[in-house]
Structure formats: structure tokens, C-alpha cells
Amino acid sequence: MTAITFEATISPDGMLHLFVPGAFPGAEVEVSVSPKLTANNDNGWPAGFHERMFGCITDETFIRHPQAPLPPPVTLD
């Protein structure tokens, strides 16, 4: 049988659900998994997310309301 390579995402509960394209329904197969993390330089954000979102609010009435002052910083000994 030919090796099939595709990307999948592990769910938060640690489960990996595989939907194998071209599989033979009801057939017994031997499955081998070799996890290989893909590069993610966006800390979990979809690639290009920030570039697409920058400047997306075009409503001139959109404002940042005044914020309460921050509490004083904690001093460490």
C-alpha cells in the first residue's frame, strides 16, 4: 500500500481524528504515525492574521473609551 501524507490538527483534548482519503471501507490496515510539529511563528494565530486585520476598522466613529487608571506597581524586595 502507498504511504499517504497529510496534515491534521490535534484537538485540545489530545485526540487526533484521521479521515483517510482513498481508504478501503472495512479493510484492516496498519497505521504508523510520526508527529512532526509545523513551524508556527505567529504564536497560535493563523498565518497572516495580523497583516489582514491591521486597519480593518474603517468606521470613523469607532473610538477607544477612556480607561480607569492602572493600580500602582508592586515593588519587589
Protein backbone atom coordinates (compact mmCIF):
# COMPACT_ATOMS: atom_id res chain seq x y z
CA MET A 1 0.00 0.00 0.00
CA THR A 2 1.21 3.51 -0.76
CA ALA A 3 2.01 5.91 2.07
CA ILE A 4 -0.42 8.81 2.44
CA THR A 5 0.85 12.09 3.89
CA PHE A 6 -1.46 14.88 5.03
CA GLU A 7 -1.70 17.46 7.80
CA ALA A 8 -4.04 17.12 10.76
CA THR A 9 -4.67 19.09 13.94
CA ILE A 10 -4.67 17.53 17.38
CA SER A 11 -7.74 18.67 19.31
CA PRO A 12 -7.39 20.32 22.76
CA ASP A 13 -8.24 17.01 24.44
CA GLY A 14 -5.27 15.35 22.72
CA MET A 15 -7.31 13.35 20.22
CA LEU A 16 -6.27 13.06 16.60
CA HIS A 17 -9.11 12.22 14.22
CA LEU A 18 -7.95 10.85 10.89
CA PHE A 19 -10.08 10.83 7.78
CA VAL A 20 -8.01 8.90 5.28
CA PRO A 21 -8.76 9.78 1.67
CA GLY A 22 -8.99 6.81 -0.66
CA ALA A 23 -9.20 4.29 2.18
CA PHE A 24 -10.83 0.93 1.64
CA PRO A 25 -14.01 0.82 3.78
CA GLY A 26 -13.95 -2.13 6.17
CA ALA A 27 -10.35 -3.04 5.36
CA GLU A 28 -7.85 -3.73 8.12
CA VAL A 29 -4.79 -1.52 7.83
CA GLU A 30 -1.60 -0.90 9.76
CA VAL A 31 -1.24 2.76 10.74
CA SER A 32 2.03 4.45 11.59
CA VAL A 33 2.08 8.00 12.98
CA SER A 34 5.19 10.18 13.00
CA PRO A 35 4.32 13.51 14.64
CA LYS A 36 6.26 16.43 13.22
CA LEU A 37 5.47 19.91 14.50
CA THR A 38 5.00 22.51 11.82
CA ALA A 39 6.61 25.91 12.18
CA ASN A 40 4.31 28.49 13.75
CA ASN A 41 5.87 31.89 14.15
CA ASP A 42 2.55 33.60 14.95
CA ASN A 43 2.09 32.11 18.45
CA GLY A 44 -1.07 30.27 17.52
CA TRP A 45 -2.60 32.92 15.26
CA PRO A 46 -3.39 31.89 11.69
CA ALA A 47 -0.63 32.85 9.25
CA GLY A 48 -1.03 36.44 8.06
CA PHE A 49 -3.83 37.17 10.57
CA HIS A 50 -2.35 40.40 11.90
CA GLU A 51 -1.49 41.69 8.45
CA ARG A 52 -5.07 41.10 7.29
CA MET A 53 -6.61 42.67 10.39
CA PHE A 54 -4.42 45.78 10.63
CA GLY A 55 -6.54 48.79 9.69
CA CYS A 56 -9.69 46.73 9.15
CA ILE A 57 -11.91 49.06 11.23
CA THR A 58 -12.86 51.85 8.85
CA ASP A 59 -15.70 53.32 10.94
CA GLU A 60 -14.58 56.83 11.97
CA THR A 61 -16.98 56.78 14.94
CA PHE A 62 -15.16 53.79 16.44
CA ILE A 63 -13.26 55.05 19.49
CA ARG A 64 -11.39 53.70 22.47
CA HIS A 65 -13.31 54.75 25.56
CA PRO A 66 -11.38 56.25 28.50
CA GLN A 67 -9.83 53.64 30.75
CA ALA A 68 -9.55 53.65 34.53
CA PRO A 69 -6.03 54.40 35.81
CA LEU A 70 -3.77 51.42 36.45
CA PRO A 71 -3.09 50.42 40.05
CA PRO A 72 0.32 51.37 41.41
CA PRO A 73 3.10 48.92 40.52
CA VAL A 74 4.09 46.28 43.03
CA THR A 75 7.55 46.76 44.50
CA LEU A 76 9.68 43.66 44.90
CA ASP A 77 12.30 43.45 47.64
